Amino acid sequence: MYRIYKIRDVIRIPPEDFDKPLENAALNVLRQIYEGRVTRDLGVIVAVIDVDVSPEGKIIPGDGATYHDAVFTVLAFNPFLKEVVEGEVVTVTSYGLFVDLGAADGFIHKSQITDEEIEYDPTRQALIFSRTRKIIERGDTIRARVYNVSLMAAKGLRVSLTIRQPYLGKIEWIEKSKETARARKS
């Protein structure tokens, strides 16, 4: 889910940063440019960790800044298909759940929760299963599988999740399933 990447780029150090150590100025510039950026290859760039910047820069006529070659490390959130993730339910709606995965929210459509009919309780912000009476509400911890990741132009990264497979869903349900399986083996 989280990965570390090395990136090579040319960075512009503005004149107002000339009084700072070069690496600090470069790190500040890179953080402004890259942190929070969403790319197809890297996902969401969460943080610029470090930088190795060339001490020799170039000056372009008409621009008072210096341009330096830099190699830097970033931490990126980039979920992959079929990955199992855990997160907290932050929003419950009549059409599904939004789960906090850290750098982005995942979405579980109600069709990816269960085959049962689901009732939405807006006062409790909960989904209630009609037959088994299981409840998923805001604040619950969910284990889910990533089944689609897409880059949305205006919204950033969209992570679609499912909990329809065995050993997925609320952590309490998973623990109960394990206990039942152990009891059957005994």
N, C-alpha and C. Protein backbone atom coordinates (compact mmCIF):
# COMPACT_ATOMS: atom_id res chain seq x y z
N MET A 1 0.83 -1.18 0.00
CA MET A 1 0.00 0.00 0.00
C MET A 1 0.87 1.25 0.00
N TYR A 2 1.81 1.32 0.93
CA TYR A 2 2.74 2.46 0.95
C TYR A 2 4.05 1.98 0.35
N ARG A 3 4.61 2.79 -0.52
CA ARG A 3 5.85 2.44 -1.18
C ARG A 3 6.80 3.63 -1.15
N ILE A 4 8.09 3.32 -1.27
CA ILE A 4 9.11 4.36 -1.32
C ILE A 4 9.70 4.36 -2.73
N TYR A 5 9.78 5.55 -3.32
CA TYR A 5 10.31 5.71 -4.67
C TYR A 5 11.46 6.71 -4.67
N LYS A 6 12.43 6.48 -5.54
CA LYS A 6 13.49 7.46 -5.80
C LYS A 6 13.12 8.16 -7.10
N ILE A 7 13.21 9.50 -7.09
CA ILE A 7 12.85 10.30 -8.26
C ILE A 7 14.02 11.23 -8.59
N ARG A 8 14.24 11.44 -9.87
CA ARG A 8 15.27 12.36 -10.35
C ARG A 8 14.53 13.52 -11.03
N ASP A 9 14.93 14.76 -10.71
CA ASP A 9 14.29 15.93 -11.30
C ASP A 9 15.26 17.11 -11.24
N VAL A 10 14.93 18.17 -11.95
CA VAL A 10 15.66 19.43 -11.86
C VAL A 10 14.76 20.37 -11.07
N ILE A 11 15.32 20.96 -10.02
CA ILE A 11 14.49 21.83 -9.17
C ILE A 11 14.98 23.26 -9.23
N ARG A 12 14.03 24.17 -9.05
CA ARG A 12 14.30 25.60 -9.09
C ARG A 12 14.39 26.13 -7.66
N ILE A 13 15.55 26.66 -7.30
CA ILE A 13 15.74 27.27 -5.98
C ILE A 13 15.58 28.78 -6.16
N PRO A 14 14.54 29.38 -5.58
CA PRO A 14 14.33 30.82 -5.76
C PRO A 14 15.36 31.65 -4.97
N PRO A 15 15.60 32.88 -5.42
CA PRO A 15 16.62 33.72 -4.76
C PRO A 15 16.37 33.93 -3.27
N GLU A 16 15.11 33.97 -2.84
CA GLU A 16 14.85 34.21 -1.42
C GLU A 16 15.30 33.06 -0.53
N ASP A 17 15.63 31.90 -1.14
CA ASP A 17 16.11 30.75 -0.36
C ASP A 17 17.63 30.59 -0.42
N PHE A 18 18.34 31.53 -1.02
CA PHE A 18 19.80 31.43 -1.15
C PHE A 18 20.51 31.49 0.20
N ASP A 19 19.86 32.08 1.23
CA ASP A 19 20.51 32.18 2.54
C ASP A 19 20.38 30.88 3.35
N LYS A 20 19.58 29.93 2.87
CA LYS A 20 19.38 28.65 3.56
C LYS A 20 20.38 27.62 3.03
N PRO A 21 20.67 26.60 3.84
CA PRO A 21 21.49 25.49 3.30
C PRO A 21 20.79 24.90 2.07
N LEU A 22 21.54 24.52 1.06
CA LEU A 22 20.99 24.07 -0.22
C LEU A 22 20.02 22.90 -0.06
N GLU A 23 20.39 21.92 0.77
CA GLU A 23 19.51 20.76 0.94
C GLU A 23 18.18 21.14 1.59
N ASN A 24 18.21 22.05 2.56
CA ASN A 24 16.96 22.50 3.20
C ASN A 24 16.08 23.25 2.21
N ALA A 25 16.69 24.12 1.42
CA ALA A 25 15.92 24.87 0.41
C ALA A 25 15.32 23.91 -0.61
N ALA A 26 16.13 22.94 -1.06
CA ALA A 26 15.64 21.96 -2.03
C ALA A 26 14.50 21.13 -1.45
N LEU A 27 14.64 20.70 -0.21
CA LEU A 27 13.59 19.90 0.44
C LEU A 27 12.29 20.69 0.54
N ASN A 28 12.37 21.97 0.91
CA ASN A 28 11.16 22.81 0.99
C ASN A 28 10.48 22.95 -0.36
N VAL A 29 11.29 23.18 -1.41
CA VAL A 29 10.73 23.32 -2.76
C VAL A 29 10.07 22.01 -3.20
N LEU A 30 10.74 20.89 -2.97
CA LEU A 30 10.19 19.60 -3.38
C LEU A 30 8.90 19.26 -2.63
N ARG A 31 8.86 19.58 -1.35
CA ARG A 31 7.64 19.32 -0.57
C ARG A 31 6.47 20.13 -1.10
N GLN A 32 6.71 21.38 -1.47
CA GLN A 32 5.63 22.21 -2.03
C GLN A 32 5.14 21.64 -3.35
N ILE A 33 6.05 21.15 -4.17
CA ILE A 33 5.68 20.65 -5.50
C ILE A 33 5.03 19.27 -5.45
N TYR A 34 5.61 18.36 -4.67
CA TYR A 34 5.23 16.95 -4.76
C TYR A 34 4.22 16.46 -3.71
N GLU A 35 4.27 16.92 -2.49
CA GLU A 35 3.41 16.36 -1.45
C GLU A 35 1.94 16.63 -1.76
N GLY A 36 1.14 15.57 -1.72
CA GLY A 36 -0.29 15.67 -2.02
C GLY A 36 -0.61 15.46 -3.49
N ARG A 37 0.41 15.38 -4.31
CA ARG A 37 0.22 15.19 -5.75
C ARG A 37 -0.21 13.74 -6.03
N VAL A 38 -1.11 13.58 -7.00
CA VAL A 38 -1.60 12.25 -7.38
C VAL A 38 -1.13 11.96 -8.80
N THR A 39 -0.44 10.84 -8.97
CA THR A 39 0.02 10.44 -10.29
C THR A 39 -0.43 9.01 -10.59
N ARG A 40 -0.54 8.72 -11.86
CA ARG A 40 -0.97 7.38 -12.28
C ARG A 40 0.02 6.31 -11.84
N ASP A 41 1.32 6.59 -11.94
CA ASP A 41 2.34 5.59 -11.64
C ASP A 41 2.64 5.45 -10.16
N LEU A 42 2.66 6.57 -9.44
CA LEU A 42 3.06 6.54 -8.03
C LEU A 42 1.91 6.52 -7.05
N GLY A 43 0.75 6.99 -7.43
CA GLY A 43 -0.37 7.11 -6.51
C GLY A 43 -0.35 8.48 -5.85
N VAL A 44 -0.68 8.53 -4.56
CA VAL A 44 -0.68 9.80 -3.81
C VAL A 44 0.67 9.94 -3.12
N ILE A 45 1.38 11.02 -3.42
CA ILE A 45 2.67 11.25 -2.77
C ILE A 45 2.39 11.87 -1.41
N VAL A 46 2.75 11.14 -0.38
CA VAL A 46 2.45 11.54 1.00
C VAL A 46 3.53 12.45 1.55
N ALA A 47 4.80 12.11 1.31
CA ALA A 47 5.89 12.91 1.88
C ALA A 47 7.16 12.80 1.05
N VAL A 48 7.91 13.89 1.02
CA VAL A 48 9.26 13.88 0.47
C VAL A 48 10.17 13.65 1.67
N ILE A 49 10.93 12.56 1.64
CA ILE A 49 11.70 12.15 2.81
C ILE A 49 13.08 12.79 2.85
N ASP A 50 13.82 12.69 1.76
CA ASP A 50 15.17 13.27 1.73
C ASP A 50 15.53 13.67 0.31
N VAL A 51 16.63 14.40 0.19
CA VAL A 51 17.06 14.87 -1.13
C VAL A 51 18.59 14.87 -1.19
N ASP A 52 19.09 14.51 -2.36
CA ASP A 52 20.51 14.66 -2.67
C ASP A 52 20.56 15.62 -3.84
N VAL A 53 21.02 16.83 -3.58
CA VAL A 53 20.98 17.89 -4.59
C VAL A 53 22.39 18.26 -5.02
N SER A 54 22.56 18.45 -6.33
CA SER A 54 23.86 18.83 -6.88
C SER A 54 24.21 20.25 -6.41
N PRO A 55 25.42 20.45 -5.91
CA PRO A 55 25.79 21.79 -5.44
C PRO A 55 25.98 22.78 -6.60
N GLU A 56 26.22 22.27 -7.78
CA GLU A 56 26.37 23.15 -8.94
C GLU A 56 25.02 23.34 -9.60
N GLY A 57 24.62 24.58 -9.75
CA GLY A 57 23.35 24.88 -10.39
C GLY A 57 23.55 25.65 -11.67
N LYS A 58 22.46 25.84 -12.39
CA LYS A 58 22.49 26.62 -13.62
C LYS A 58 21.59 27.84 -13.44
N ILE A 59 21.95 28.90 -14.12
CA ILE A 59 21.13 30.12 -14.09
C ILE A 59 20.62 30.34 -15.50
N ILE A 60 19.34 30.63 -15.60
CA ILE A 60 18.71 30.92 -16.88
C ILE A 60 18.57 32.43 -16.99
N PRO A 61 19.01 33.03 -18.11
CA PRO A 61 18.90 34.49 -18.26
C PRO A 61 17.45 34.97 -18.06
N GLY A 62 17.30 36.01 -17.28
CA GLY A 62 15.98 36.57 -17.00
C GLY A 62 15.32 35.97 -15.77
N ASP A 63 15.94 34.94 -15.18
CA ASP A 63 15.40 34.30 -13.98
C ASP A 63 16.51 34.31 -12.94
N GLY A 64 16.26 34.87 -11.78
CA GLY A 64 17.28 34.97 -10.74
C GLY A 64 17.49 33.69 -9.95
N ALA A 65 16.70 32.65 -10.22
CA ALA A 65 16.81 31.40 -9.48
C ALA A 65 17.93 30.53 -10.05
N THR A 66 18.30 29.52 -9.25
CA THR A 66 19.25 28.52 -9.74
C THR A 66 18.51 27.20 -9.93
N TYR A 67 18.97 26.42 -10.90
CA TYR A 67 18.35 25.13 -11.22
C TYR A 67 19.38 24.04 -10.94
N HIS A 68 18.96 23.05 -10.13
CA HIS A 68 19.87 22.00 -9.68
C HIS A 68 19.30 20.62 -9.99
N ASP A 69 20.19 19.69 -10.35
CA ASP A 69 19.78 18.30 -10.47
C ASP A 69 19.59 17.75 -9.06
N ALA A 70 18.53 16.96 -8.89
CA ALA A 70 18.26 16.40 -7.56
C ALA A 70 17.73 14.98 -7.69
N VAL A 71 18.11 14.15 -6.74
CA VAL A 71 17.55 12.81 -6.58
C VAL A 71 16.94 12.80 -5.19
N PHE A 72 15.66 12.44 -5.10
CA PHE A 72 14.99 12.49 -3.81
C PHE A 72 14.10 11.28 -3.61
N THR A 73 13.77 11.03 -2.36
CA THR A 73 12.96 9.88 -1.97
C THR A 73 11.58 10.36 -1.53
N VAL A 74 10.54 9.67 -2.03
CA VAL A 74 9.17 10.00 -1.62
C VAL A 74 8.48 8.76 -1.06
N LEU A 75 7.56 9.00 -0.16
CA LEU A 75 6.68 7.97 0.36
C LEU A 75 5.34 8.17 -0.33
N ALA A 76 4.83 7.10 -0.98
CA ALA A 76 3.59 7.23 -1.74
C ALA A 76 2.60 6.15 -1.33
N PHE A 77 1.33 6.52 -1.35
CA PHE A 77 0.22 5.60 -1.10
C PHE A 77 -0.24 5.11 -2.47
N ASN A 78 -0.05 3.81 -2.72
CA ASN A 78 -0.39 3.26 -4.03
C ASN A 78 -0.94 1.86 -3.86
N PRO A 79 -2.23 1.73 -3.54
CA PRO A 79 -2.80 0.40 -3.33
C PRO A 79 -2.84 -0.39 -4.64
N PHE A 80 -2.73 -1.71 -4.55
CA PHE A 80 -2.76 -2.54 -5.74
C PHE A 80 -3.96 -3.49 -5.67
N LEU A 81 -4.37 -3.99 -6.81
CA LEU A 81 -5.53 -4.86 -6.89
C LEU A 81 -5.34 -6.12 -6.05
N LYS A 82 -6.40 -6.52 -5.39
CA LYS A 82 -6.47 -7.71 -4.53
C LYS A 82 -5.73 -7.54 -3.20
N GLU A 83 -5.18 -6.37 -2.94
CA GLU A 83 -4.53 -6.12 -1.66
C GLU A 83 -5.58 -6.09 -0.56
N VAL A 84 -5.26 -6.64 0.61
CA VAL A 84 -6.15 -6.59 1.76
C VAL A 84 -5.72 -5.41 2.62
N VAL A 85 -6.69 -4.55 2.95
CA VAL A 85 -6.42 -3.34 3.72
C VAL A 85 -7.34 -3.27 4.92
N GLU A 86 -6.93 -2.51 5.91
CA GLU A 86 -7.79 -2.25 7.07
C GLU A 86 -7.94 -0.75 7.24
N GLY A 87 -9.11 -0.35 7.70
CA GLY A 87 -9.35 1.05 7.95
C GLY A 87 -10.59 1.26 8.80
N GLU A 88 -10.79 2.49 9.18
CA GLU A 88 -11.94 2.85 10.01
C GLU A 88 -13.05 3.43 9.14
N VAL A 89 -14.28 3.01 9.40
CA VAL A 89 -15.43 3.55 8.69
C VAL A 89 -15.62 4.99 9.15
N VAL A 90 -15.55 5.93 8.19
CA VAL A 90 -15.68 7.34 8.54
C VAL A 90 -17.03 7.92 8.14
N THR A 91 -17.67 7.34 7.13
CA THR A 91 -18.98 7.80 6.70
C THR A 91 -19.82 6.60 6.28
N VAL A 92 -21.07 6.60 6.73
CA VAL A 92 -22.02 5.57 6.33
C VAL A 92 -23.17 6.27 5.61
N THR A 93 -23.48 5.79 4.40
CA THR A 93 -24.58 6.35 3.63
C THR A 93 -25.52 5.23 3.22
N SER A 94 -26.62 5.59 2.62
CA SER A 94 -27.59 4.57 2.18
C SER A 94 -27.04 3.73 1.02
N TYR A 95 -26.01 4.21 0.35
CA TYR A 95 -25.46 3.47 -0.79
C TYR A 95 -24.11 2.83 -0.50
N GLY A 96 -23.55 3.00 0.71
CA GLY A 96 -22.30 2.32 1.03
C GLY A 96 -21.51 2.97 2.15
N LEU A 97 -20.24 2.57 2.24
CA LEU A 97 -19.35 3.00 3.31
C LEU A 97 -18.10 3.67 2.76
N PHE A 98 -17.62 4.69 3.46
CA PHE A 98 -16.33 5.28 3.16
C PHE A 98 -15.39 4.90 4.30
N VAL A 99 -14.22 4.35 3.92
CA VAL A 99 -13.27 3.82 4.88
C VAL A 99 -11.96 4.60 4.78
N ASP A 100 -11.46 5.08 5.92
CA ASP A 100 -10.20 5.82 5.97
C ASP A 100 -9.04 4.84 5.84
N LEU A 101 -8.28 4.96 4.75
CA LEU A 101 -7.13 4.10 4.52
C LEU A 101 -5.81 4.81 4.79
N GLY A 102 -5.88 6.03 5.26
CA GLY A 102 -4.67 6.80 5.53
C GLY A 102 -4.58 7.99 4.59
N ALA A 103 -3.96 7.79 3.44
CA ALA A 103 -3.77 8.88 2.48
C ALA A 103 -5.00 9.11 1.61
N ALA A 104 -5.92 8.17 1.58
CA ALA A 104 -7.14 8.30 0.78
C ALA A 104 -8.25 7.49 1.45
N ASP A 105 -9.47 7.78 1.06
CA ASP A 105 -10.60 6.99 1.54
C ASP A 105 -10.94 5.94 0.50
N GLY A 106 -11.31 4.76 0.99
CA GLY A 106 -11.82 3.71 0.12
C GLY A 106 -13.33 3.72 0.20
N PHE A 107 -13.98 3.19 -0.83
CA PHE A 107 -15.44 3.15 -0.85
C PHE A 107 -15.91 1.71 -1.03
N ILE A 108 -16.88 1.30 -0.21
CA ILE A 108 -17.50 -0.01 -0.34
C ILE A 108 -18.97 0.21 -0.68
N HIS A 109 -19.35 -0.10 -1.92
CA HIS A 109 -20.75 0.02 -2.34
C HIS A 109 -21.55 -1.06 -1.63
N LYS A 110 -22.82 -0.78 -1.36
CA LYS A 110 -23.63 -1.75 -0.61
C LYS A 110 -23.70 -3.11 -1.30
N SER A 111 -23.56 -3.15 -2.63
CA SER A 111 -23.56 -4.43 -3.34
C SER A 111 -22.29 -5.23 -3.06
N GLN A 112 -21.24 -4.57 -2.53
CA GLN A 112 -19.99 -5.24 -2.19
C GLN A 112 -19.88 -5.56 -0.70
N ILE A 113 -21.02 -5.45 0.01
CA ILE A 113 -21.03 -5.73 1.44
C ILE A 113 -21.63 -7.11 1.71
N THR A 114 -22.82 -7.37 1.16
CA THR A 114 -23.51 -8.62 1.43
C THR A 114 -24.61 -8.85 0.40
N ASP A 115 -25.12 -10.09 0.35
CA ASP A 115 -26.27 -10.41 -0.50
C ASP A 115 -27.58 -10.06 0.21
N GLU A 116 -27.53 -9.91 1.52
CA GLU A 116 -28.72 -9.59 2.30
C GLU A 116 -29.24 -8.19 1.98
N GLU A 117 -30.50 -7.98 2.27
CA GLU A 117 -31.05 -6.63 2.22
C GLU A 117 -30.39 -5.83 3.34
N ILE A 118 -30.12 -4.57 3.06
CA ILE A 118 -29.48 -3.70 4.05
C ILE A 118 -30.38 -2.52 4.32
N GLU A 119 -30.58 -2.23 5.60
CA GLU A 119 -31.35 -1.06 6.01
C GLU A 119 -30.36 0.02 6.46
N TYR A 120 -30.63 1.26 6.08
CA TYR A 120 -29.78 2.37 6.49
C TYR A 120 -30.46 3.10 7.63
N ASP A 121 -29.75 3.28 8.74
CA ASP A 121 -30.25 4.03 9.89
C ASP A 121 -29.48 5.35 9.96
N PRO A 122 -30.09 6.46 9.47
CA PRO A 122 -29.37 7.74 9.44
C PRO A 122 -29.09 8.32 10.82
N THR A 123 -29.92 8.03 11.82
CA THR A 123 -29.69 8.57 13.15
C THR A 123 -28.46 7.96 13.80
N ARG A 124 -28.21 6.72 13.48
CA ARG A 124 -27.08 6.00 14.06
C ARG A 124 -25.88 5.97 13.12
N GLN A 125 -26.08 6.42 11.88
CA GLN A 125 -25.10 6.28 10.81
C GLN A 125 -24.62 4.84 10.75
N ALA A 126 -25.59 3.95 10.44
CA ALA A 126 -25.29 2.52 10.43
C ALA A 126 -26.04 1.82 9.32
N LEU A 127 -25.44 0.71 8.86
CA LEU A 127 -26.11 -0.21 7.95
C LEU A 127 -26.44 -1.46 8.76
N ILE A 128 -27.70 -1.89 8.66
CA ILE A 128 -28.16 -3.04 9.43
C ILE A 128 -28.59 -4.12 8.45
N PHE A 129 -28.04 -5.32 8.60
CA PHE A 129 -28.38 -6.44 7.73
C PHE A 129 -29.74 -6.97 8.17
N SER A 130 -30.66 -7.14 7.23
CA SER A 130 -32.04 -7.49 7.57
C SER A 130 -32.18 -8.89 8.15
N ARG A 131 -31.44 -9.89 7.66
CA ARG A 131 -31.60 -11.27 8.14
C ARG A 131 -30.76 -11.54 9.38
N THR A 132 -29.48 -11.27 9.33
CA THR A 132 -28.57 -11.60 10.44
C THR A 132 -28.50 -10.51 11.51
N ARG A 133 -29.01 -9.34 11.21
CA ARG A 133 -29.02 -8.18 12.11
C ARG A 133 -27.61 -7.70 12.47
N LYS A 134 -26.63 -8.05 11.66
CA LYS A 134 -25.28 -7.49 11.84
C LYS A 134 -25.35 -5.99 11.57
N ILE A 135 -24.44 -5.25 12.20
CA ILE A 135 -24.44 -3.79 12.06
C ILE A 135 -23.03 -3.30 11.73
N ILE A 136 -22.97 -2.40 10.76
CA ILE A 136 -21.72 -1.68 10.48
C ILE A 136 -22.04 -0.21 10.70
N GLU A 137 -21.24 0.43 11.56
CA GLU A 137 -21.49 1.84 11.83
C GLU A 137 -20.20 2.63 11.84
N ARG A 138 -20.36 3.92 11.88
CA ARG A 138 -19.22 4.84 11.89
C ARG A 138 -18.31 4.49 13.06
N GLY A 139 -16.98 4.42 12.80
CA GLY A 139 -16.02 4.10 13.85
C GLY A 139 -15.59 2.64 13.86
N ASP A 140 -16.31 1.77 13.17
CA ASP A 140 -15.94 0.35 13.11
C ASP A 140 -14.66 0.17 12.28
N THR A 141 -13.87 -0.83 12.65
CA THR A 141 -12.68 -1.17 11.87
C THR A 141 -13.06 -2.28 10.90
N ILE A 142 -12.69 -2.07 9.64
CA ILE A 142 -13.07 -2.97 8.54
C ILE A 142 -11.82 -3.53 7.88
N ARG A 143 -11.86 -4.80 7.53
CA ARG A 143 -10.82 -5.40 6.68
C ARG A 143 -11.47 -5.66 5.33
N ALA A 144 -10.86 -5.15 4.26
CA ALA A 144 -11.46 -5.24 2.93
C ALA A 144 -10.39 -5.55 1.88
N ARG A 145 -10.86 -5.92 0.70
CA ARG A 145 -9.96 -6.20 -0.42
C ARG A 145 -10.17 -5.13 -1.49
N VAL A 146 -9.06 -4.65 -2.05
CA VAL A 146 -9.11 -3.65 -3.13
C VAL A 146 -9.50 -4.38 -4.42
N TYR A 147 -10.55 -3.92 -5.08
CA TYR A 147 -10.90 -4.54 -6.35
C TYR A 147 -10.83 -3.56 -7.52
N ASN A 148 -10.63 -2.28 -7.25
CA ASN A 148 -10.43 -1.32 -8.34
C ASN A 148 -9.74 -0.07 -7.79
N VAL A 149 -8.78 0.43 -8.56
CA VAL A 149 -8.12 1.69 -8.24
C VAL A 149 -8.14 2.52 -9.51
N SER A 150 -8.66 3.73 -9.40
CA SER A 150 -8.70 4.59 -10.59
C SER A 150 -8.31 6.01 -10.21
N LEU A 151 -7.78 6.68 -11.20
CA LEU A 151 -7.36 8.07 -11.03
C LEU A 151 -8.47 8.96 -11.58
N MET A 152 -9.10 9.72 -10.71
CA MET A 152 -10.17 10.63 -11.10
C MET A 152 -9.57 12.02 -11.30
N ALA A 153 -9.89 12.65 -12.40
CA ALA A 153 -9.28 13.95 -12.74
C ALA A 153 -9.45 14.98 -11.62
N ALA A 154 -10.66 15.15 -11.12
CA ALA A 154 -10.90 16.20 -10.13
C ALA A 154 -10.77 15.70 -8.69
N LYS A 155 -11.01 14.41 -8.45
CA LYS A 155 -11.09 13.91 -7.08
C LYS A 155 -9.83 13.20 -6.59
N GLY A 156 -8.91 12.92 -7.48
CA GLY A 156 -7.70 12.20 -7.07
C GLY A 156 -7.86 10.71 -7.23
N LEU A 157 -7.41 9.97 -6.24
CA LEU A 157 -7.41 8.51 -6.28
C LEU A 157 -8.73 7.97 -5.76
N ARG A 158 -9.32 7.03 -6.50
CA ARG A 158 -10.56 6.38 -6.05
C ARG A 158 -10.24 4.90 -5.83
N VAL A 159 -10.45 4.43 -4.60
CA VAL A 159 -10.17 3.06 -4.23
C VAL A 159 -11.49 2.36 -3.92
N SER A 160 -11.83 1.36 -4.74
CA SER A 160 -13.06 0.60 -4.53
C SER A 160 -12.73 -0.68 -3.79
N LEU A 161 -13.52 -0.98 -2.76
CA LEU A 161 -13.26 -2.11 -1.88
C LEU A 161 -14.44 -3.08 -1.87
N THR A 162 -14.16 -4.30 -1.41
CA THR A 162 -15.22 -5.29 -1.20
C THR A 162 -14.97 -6.00 0.12
N ILE A 163 -16.07 -6.44 0.77
CA ILE A 163 -15.96 -7.25 1.98
C ILE A 163 -16.81 -8.52 1.83
N ARG A 164 -17.10 -8.91 0.60
CA ARG A 164 -17.97 -10.07 0.35
C ARG A 164 -17.26 -11.41 0.46
N GLN A 165 -15.97 -11.44 0.62
CA GLN A 165 -15.22 -12.69 0.67
C GLN A 165 -15.01 -13.14 2.11
N PRO A 166 -14.69 -14.42 2.31
CA PRO A 166 -14.44 -14.92 3.68
C PRO A 166 -13.30 -14.16 4.35
N TYR A 167 -13.42 -13.98 5.65
CA TYR A 167 -12.45 -13.31 6.49
C TYR A 167 -12.26 -11.84 6.15
N LEU A 168 -13.27 -11.23 5.58
CA LEU A 168 -13.30 -9.79 5.37
C LEU A 168 -14.53 -9.23 6.06
N GLY A 169 -14.50 -7.96 6.40
CA GLY A 169 -15.62 -7.31 7.08
C GLY A 169 -15.16 -6.69 8.38
N LYS A 170 -16.08 -6.56 9.31
CA LYS A 170 -15.73 -6.04 10.62
C LYS A 170 -14.78 -7.00 11.32
N ILE A 171 -13.83 -6.48 12.04
CA ILE A 171 -12.84 -7.31 12.72
C ILE A 171 -13.52 -8.29 13.68
N GLU A 172 -14.59 -7.87 14.35
CA GLU A 172 -15.31 -8.75 15.27
C GLU A 172 -15.90 -9.97 14.53
N TRP A 173 -16.40 -9.74 13.32
CA TRP A 173 -16.96 -10.84 12.52
C TRP A 173 -15.87 -11.84 12.15
N ILE A 174 -14.71 -11.33 11.81
CA ILE A 174 -13.59 -12.19 11.41
C ILE A 174 -13.15 -13.04 12.59
N GLU A 175 -13.02 -12.43 13.76
CA GLU A 175 -12.63 -13.18 14.96
C GLU A 175 -13.65 -14.27 15.27
N LYS A 176 -14.93 -13.96 15.14
CA LYS A 176 -15.98 -14.94 15.40
C LYS A 176 -15.91 -16.08 14.38
N SER A 177 -15.63 -15.78 13.12
CA SER A 177 -15.49 -16.81 12.08
C SER A 177 -14.32 -17.73 12.39
N LYS A 178 -13.21 -17.16 12.87
CA LYS A 178 -12.04 -17.98 13.24
C LYS A 178 -12.38 -18.92 14.38
N GLU A 179 -13.07 -18.40 15.41
CA GLU A 179 -13.46 -19.23 16.55
C GLU A 179 -14.37 -20.36 16.12
N THR A 180 -15.32 -20.07 15.26
CA THR A 180 -16.25 -21.09 14.75
C THR A 180 -15.49 -22.16 13.98
N ALA A 181 -14.54 -21.74 13.13
CA ALA A 181 -13.73 -22.69 12.36
C ALA A 181 -12.89 -23.57 13.27
N ARG A 182 -12.31 -22.99 14.32
CA ARG A 182 -11.51 -23.77 15.29
C ARG A 182 -12.39 -24.78 16.02
N ALA A 183 -13.58 -24.36 16.40
CA ALA A 183 -14.51 -25.25 17.12
C ALA A 183 -14.92 -26.43 16.24
N ARG A 184 -15.09 -26.21 14.96
CA ARG A 184 -15.45 -27.30 14.03
C ARG A 184 -14.32 -28.31 13.91
N LYS A 185 -13.07 -27.83 13.92
CA LYS A 185 -11.92 -28.72 13.79
C LYS A 185 -11.71 -29.59 15.03
N SER A 186 -12.14 -29.09 16.19
CA SER A 186 -11.91 -29.80 17.45
C SER A 186 -12.79 -31.00 17.61
